[in-house]
Amino acid sequence: MDFVQALTDLKDGKIDHFDVDPETFPAFQKAWSAFPYQNTVKGIAQRAGKVTYIQAK
């Protein structure tokens, strides 16, 4: 998954959520640390280390 694109699409309202699991978290973290609009995205912890990201309101 292209997390830079997913973060941008979420910020722009093109998607309503995406999930990150423990196996893909390192790739997500790299994209997240470079994402300039972190305050527009909110993560919600799920079971087994999965996180669902949505638009922050």
PDB file of N, CA and C in Angstrom:
ATOM      1  N   MET A   1       0.842  -1.183   0.000  1.00  0.00           N
ATOM      2  CA  MET A   1       0.000   0.000   0.000  1.00  0.00           C
ATOM      3  C   MET A   1       0.886   1.245   0.000  1.00  0.00           C
ATOM      4  N   ASP A   2       0.496   2.218  -0.759  1.00  0.00           N
ATOM      5  CA  ASP A   2       1.188   3.503  -0.803  1.00  0.00           C
ATOM      6  C   ASP A   2       0.590   4.390   0.299  1.00  0.00           C
ATOM      7  N   PHE A   3       1.268   4.457   1.434  1.00  0.00           N
ATOM      8  CA  PHE A   3       0.732   5.189   2.575  1.00  0.00           C
ATOM      9  C   PHE A   3       0.742   6.696   2.374  1.00  0.00           C
ATOM     10  N   VAL A   4       1.656   7.218   1.600  1.00  0.00           N
ATOM     11  CA  VAL A   4       1.652   8.654   1.303  1.00  0.00           C
ATOM     12  C   VAL A   4       0.368   9.004   0.557  1.00  0.00           C
ATOM     13  N   GLN A   5       0.028   8.194  -0.426  1.00  0.00           N
ATOM     14  CA  GLN A   5      -1.207   8.417  -1.188  1.00  0.00           C
ATOM     15  C   GLN A   5      -2.435   8.216  -0.316  1.00  0.00           C
ATOM     16  N   ALA A   6      -2.413   7.190   0.530  1.00  0.00           N
ATOM     17  CA  ALA A   6      -3.549   6.927   1.411  1.00  0.00           C
ATOM     18  C   ALA A   6      -3.765   8.085   2.381  1.00  0.00           C
ATOM     19  N   LEU A   7      -2.706   8.622   2.948  1.00  0.00           N
ATOM     20  CA  LEU A   7      -2.823   9.768   3.856  1.00  0.00           C
ATOM     21  C   LEU A   7      -3.370  10.993   3.125  1.00  0.00           C
ATOM     22  N   THR A   8      -2.879  11.226   1.935  1.00  0.00           N
ATOM     23  CA  THR A   8      -3.352  12.360   1.137  1.00  0.00           C
ATOM     24  C   THR A   8      -4.811  12.181   0.754  1.00  0.00           C
ATOM     25  N   ASP A   9      -5.188  10.981   0.317  1.00  0.00           N
ATOM     26  CA  ASP A   9      -6.579  10.709  -0.048  1.00  0.00           C
ATOM     27  C   ASP A   9      -7.501  10.865   1.159  1.00  0.00           C
ATOM     28  N   LEU A  10      -7.051  10.447   2.326  1.00  0.00           N
ATOM     29  CA  LEU A  10      -7.848  10.595   3.535  1.00  0.00           C
ATOM     30  C   LEU A  10      -8.018  12.072   3.873  1.00  0.00           C
ATOM     31  N   LYS A  11      -6.950  12.833   3.814  1.00  0.00           N
ATOM     32  CA  LYS A  11      -7.003  14.271   4.091  1.00  0.00           C
ATOM     33  C   LYS A  11      -7.952  14.974   3.128  1.00  0.00           C
ATOM     34  N   ASP A  12      -7.917  14.571   1.861  1.00  0.00           N
ATOM     35  CA  ASP A  12      -8.736  15.209   0.820  1.00  0.00           C
ATOM     36  C   ASP A  12     -10.163  14.668   0.757  1.00  0.00           C
ATOM     37  N   GLY A  13     -10.489  13.679   1.574  1.00  0.00           N
ATOM     38  CA  GLY A  13     -11.838  13.133   1.590  1.00  0.00           C
ATOM     39  C   GLY A  13     -12.132  12.140   0.480  1.00  0.00           C
ATOM     40  N   LYS A  14     -11.123  11.658  -0.216  1.00  0.00           N
ATOM     41  CA  LYS A  14     -11.341  10.687  -1.293  1.00  0.00           C
ATOM     42  C   LYS A  14     -11.620   9.287  -0.744  1.00  0.00           C
ATOM     43  N   ILE A  15     -11.114   9.003   0.459  1.00  0.00           N
ATOM     44  CA  ILE A  15     -11.412   7.755   1.155  1.00  0.00           C
ATOM     45  C   ILE A  15     -11.836   8.117   2.576  1.00  0.00           C
ATOM     46  N   ASP A  16     -12.560   7.220   3.238  1.00  0.00           N
ATOM     47  CA  ASP A  16     -13.015   7.542   4.588  1.00  0.00           C
ATOM     48  C   ASP A  16     -12.179   6.895   5.683  1.00  0.00           C
ATOM     49  N   HIS A  17     -11.349   5.901   5.336  1.00  0.00           N
ATOM     50  CA  HIS A  17     -10.457   5.276   6.315  1.00  0.00           C
ATOM     51  C   HIS A  17      -9.475   4.348   5.603  1.00  0.00           C
ATOM     52  N   PHE A  18      -8.450   3.958   6.334  1.00  0.00           N
ATOM     53  CA  PHE A  18      -7.588   2.860   5.915  1.00  0.00           C
ATOM     54  C   PHE A  18      -6.997   2.237   7.165  1.00  0.00           C
ATOM     55  N   ASP A  19      -6.568   0.986   7.043  1.00  0.00           N
ATOM     56  CA  ASP A  19      -6.044   0.234   8.186  1.00  0.00           C
ATOM     57  C   ASP A  19      -4.555  -0.022   8.031  1.00  0.00           C
ATOM     58  N   VAL A  20      -3.886  -0.039   9.176  1.00  0.00           N
ATOM     59  CA  VAL A  20      -2.463  -0.379   9.231  1.00  0.00           C
ATOM     60  C   VAL A  20      -2.322  -1.502  10.245  1.00  0.00           C
ATOM     61  N   ASP A  21      -1.665  -2.592   9.837  1.00  0.00           N
ATOM     62  CA  ASP A  21      -1.433  -3.692  10.766  1.00  0.00           C
ATOM     63  C   ASP A  21       0.037  -3.692  11.198  1.00  0.00           C
ATOM     64  N   PRO A  22       0.368  -4.481  12.200  1.00  0.00           N
ATOM     65  CA  PRO A  22       1.741  -4.452  12.709  1.00  0.00           C
ATOM     66  C   PRO A  22       2.814  -4.742  11.655  1.00  0.00           C
ATOM     67  N   GLU A  23       2.492  -5.567  10.674  1.00  0.00           N
ATOM     68  CA  GLU A  23       3.474  -5.915   9.646  1.00  0.00           C
ATOM     69  C   GLU A  23       3.789  -4.733   8.722  1.00  0.00           C
ATOM     70  N   THR A  24       2.804  -3.880   8.479  1.00  0.00           N
ATOM     71  CA  THR A  24       3.006  -2.753   7.563  1.00  0.00           C
ATOM     72  C   THR A  24       3.298  -1.443   8.301  1.00  0.00           C
ATOM     73  N   PHE A  25       3.289  -1.478   9.639  1.00  0.00           N
ATOM     74  CA  PHE A  25       3.504  -0.252  10.396  1.00  0.00           C
ATOM     75  C   PHE A  25       4.831   0.437  10.097  1.00  0.00           C
ATOM     76  N   PRO A  26       5.968  -0.267   9.944  1.00  0.00           N
ATOM     77  CA  PRO A  26       7.215   0.439   9.640  1.00  0.00           C
ATOM     78  C   PRO A  26       7.132   1.294   8.370  1.00  0.00           C
ATOM     79  N   ALA A  27       6.495   0.786   7.331  1.00  0.00           N
ATOM     80  CA  ALA A  27       6.336   1.566   6.096  1.00  0.00           C
ATOM     81  C   ALA A  27       5.402   2.749   6.337  1.00  0.00           C
ATOM     82  N   PHE A  28       4.337   2.522   7.110  1.00  0.00           N
ATOM     83  CA  PHE A  28       3.416   3.617   7.433  1.00  0.00           C
ATOM     84  C   PHE A  28       4.125   4.698   8.234  1.00  0.00           C
ATOM     85  N   GLN A  29       4.923   4.306   9.216  1.00  0.00           N
ATOM     86  CA  GLN A  29       5.610   5.271  10.078  1.00  0.00           C
ATOM     87  C   GLN A  29       6.524   6.186   9.270  1.00  0.00           C
ATOM     88  N   LYS A  30       7.174   5.647   8.282  1.00  0.00           N
ATOM     89  CA  LYS A  30       8.037   6.451   7.413  1.00  0.00           C
ATOM     90  C   LYS A  30       7.217   7.503   6.666  1.00  0.00           C
ATOM     91  N   ALA A  31       6.063   7.092   6.122  1.00  0.00           N
ATOM     92  CA  ALA A  31       5.188   8.029   5.411  1.00  0.00           C
ATOM     93  C   ALA A  31       4.594   9.051   6.377  1.00  0.00           C
ATOM     94  N   TRP A  32       4.190   8.598   7.558  1.00  0.00           N
ATOM     95  CA  TRP A  32       3.577   9.473   8.563  1.00  0.00           C
ATOM     96  C   TRP A  32       4.544  10.563   9.019  1.00  0.00           C
ATOM     97  N   SER A  33       5.794  10.199   9.247  1.00  0.00           N
ATOM     98  CA  SER A  33       6.759  11.179   9.748  1.00  0.00           C
ATOM     99  C   SER A  33       7.033  12.280   8.732  1.00  0.00           C
ATOM    100  N   ALA A  34       6.825  12.012   7.459  1.00  0.00           N
ATOM    101  CA  ALA A  34       7.046  13.018   6.416  1.00  0.00           C
ATOM    102  C   ALA A  34       5.752  13.729   6.006  1.00  0.00           C
ATOM    103  N   PHE A  35       4.611  13.317   6.557  1.00  0.00           N
ATOM    104  CA  PHE A  35       3.311  13.874   6.167  1.00  0.00           C
ATOM    105  C   PHE A  35       3.085  15.206   6.876  1.00  0.00           C
ATOM    106  N   PRO A  36       2.959  16.303   6.141  1.00  0.00           N
ATOM    107  CA  PRO A  36       2.876  17.629   6.776  1.00  0.00           C
ATOM    108  C   PRO A  36       1.519  17.962   7.392  1.00  0.00           C
ATOM    109  N   TYR A  37       0.501  17.128   7.170  1.00  0.00           N
ATOM    110  CA  TYR A  37      -0.854  17.427   7.659  1.00  0.00           C
ATOM    111  C   TYR A  37      -1.304  16.408   8.702  1.00  0.00           C
ATOM    112  N   GLN A  38      -0.429  16.053   9.622  1.00  0.00           N
ATOM    113  CA  GLN A  38      -0.731  15.026  10.614  1.00  0.00           C
ATOM    114  C   GLN A  38      -1.967  15.358  11.441  1.00  0.00           C
ATOM    115  N   ASN A  39      -2.243  16.634  11.660  1.00  0.00           N
ATOM    116  CA  ASN A  39      -3.398  17.014  12.473  1.00  0.00           C
ATOM    117  C   ASN A  39      -4.734  16.792  11.759  1.00  0.00           C
ATOM    118  N   THR A  40      -4.719  16.394  10.493  1.00  0.00           N
ATOM    119  CA  THR A  40      -5.957  16.135   9.757  1.00  0.00           C
ATOM    120  C   THR A  40      -6.346  14.661   9.787  1.00  0.00           C
ATOM    121  N   VAL A  41      -5.514  13.821  10.409  1.00  0.00           N
ATOM    122  CA  VAL A  41      -5.728  12.378  10.428  1.00  0.00           C
ATOM    123  C   VAL A  41      -5.687  11.886  11.873  1.00  0.00           C
ATOM    124  N   LYS A  42      -6.587  10.956  12.186  1.00  0.00           N
ATOM    125  CA  LYS A  42      -6.684  10.421  13.537  1.00  0.00           C
ATOM    126  C   LYS A  42      -6.611   8.905  13.472  1.00  0.00           C
ATOM    127  N   GLY A  43      -5.827   8.300  14.344  1.00  0.00           N
ATOM    128  CA  GLY A  43      -5.722   6.852  14.417  1.00  0.00           C
ATOM    129  C   GLY A  43      -6.539   6.301  15.566  1.00  0.00           C
ATOM    130  N   ILE A  44      -7.242   5.212  15.315  1.00  0.00           N
ATOM    131  CA  ILE A  44      -8.038   4.540  16.333  1.00  0.00           C
ATOM    132  C   ILE A  44      -7.510   3.118  16.483  1.00  0.00           C
ATOM    133  N   ALA A  45      -7.024   2.799  17.670  1.00  0.00           N
ATOM    134  CA  ALA A  45      -6.449   1.479  17.922  1.00  0.00           C
ATOM    135  C   ALA A  45      -7.525   0.403  17.896  1.00  0.00           C
ATOM    136  N   GLN A  46      -7.191  -0.702  17.267  1.00  0.00           N
ATOM    137  CA  GLN A  46      -8.061  -1.872  17.206  1.00  0.00           C
ATOM    138  C   GLN A  46      -7.350  -3.025  17.913  1.00  0.00           C
ATOM    139  N   ARG A  47      -7.909  -4.193  17.835  1.00  0.00           N
ATOM    140  CA  ARG A  47      -7.288  -5.382  18.427  1.00  0.00           C
ATOM    141  C   ARG A  47      -6.092  -5.857  17.599  1.00  0.00           C
ATOM    142  N   ALA A  48      -5.202  -6.562  18.269  1.00  0.00           N
ATOM    143  CA  ALA A  48      -4.054  -7.228  17.634  1.00  0.00           C
ATOM    144  C   ALA A  48      -3.112  -6.245  16.944  1.00  0.00           C
ATOM    145  N   GLY A  49      -3.028  -5.015  17.441  1.00  0.00           N
ATOM    146  CA  GLY A  49      -2.082  -4.053  16.914  1.00  0.00           C
ATOM    147  C   GLY A  49      -2.514  -3.330  15.657  1.00  0.00           C
ATOM    148  N   LYS A  50      -3.715  -3.557  15.203  1.00  0.00           N
ATOM    149  CA  LYS A  50      -4.223  -2.872  14.009  1.00  0.00           C
ATOM    150  C   LYS A  50      -4.686  -1.471  14.387  1.00  0.00           C
ATOM    151  N   VAL A  51      -4.468  -0.506  13.509  1.00  0.00           N
ATOM    152  CA  VAL A  51      -4.911   0.863  13.704  1.00  0.00           C
ATOM    153  C   VAL A  51      -5.694   1.294  12.481  1.00  0.00           C
ATOM    154  N   THR A  52      -6.858   1.885  12.703  1.00  0.00           N
ATOM    155  CA  THR A  52      -7.677   2.436  11.627  1.00  0.00           C
ATOM    156  C   THR A  52      -7.512   3.934  11.631  1.00  0.00           C
ATOM    157  N   TYR A  53      -7.175   4.501  10.491  1.00  0.00           N
ATOM    158  CA  TYR A  53      -6.979   5.943  10.366  1.00  0.00           C
ATOM    159  C   TYR A  53      -8.179   6.555   9.668  1.00  0.00           C
ATOM    160  N   ILE A  54      -8.674   7.672  10.257  1.00  0.00           N
ATOM    161  CA  ILE A  54      -9.821   8.398   9.738  1.00  0.00           C
ATOM    162  C   ILE A  54      -9.480   9.876   9.704  1.00  0.00           C
ATOM    163  N   GLN A  55     -10.364  10.666   9.096  1.00  0.00           N
ATOM    164  CA  GLN A  55     -10.189  12.122   9.121  1.00  0.00           C
ATOM    165  C   GLN A  55     -10.440  12.623  10.526  1.00  0.00           C
ATOM    166  N   ALA A  56      -9.581  13.490  11.022  1.00  0.00           N
ATOM    167  CA  ALA A  56      -9.807  14.133  12.310  1.00  0.00           C
ATOM    168  C   ALA A  56     -10.847  15.205  12.135  1.00  0.00           C
ATOM    169  N   LYS A  57     -11.703  15.338  13.083  1.00  0.00           N
ATOM    170  CA  LYS A  57     -12.767  16.357  12.984  1.00  0.00           C
ATOM    171  C   LYS A  57     -12.529  17.439  13.992  1.00  0.00           C
TER     172      LYS A  57
END
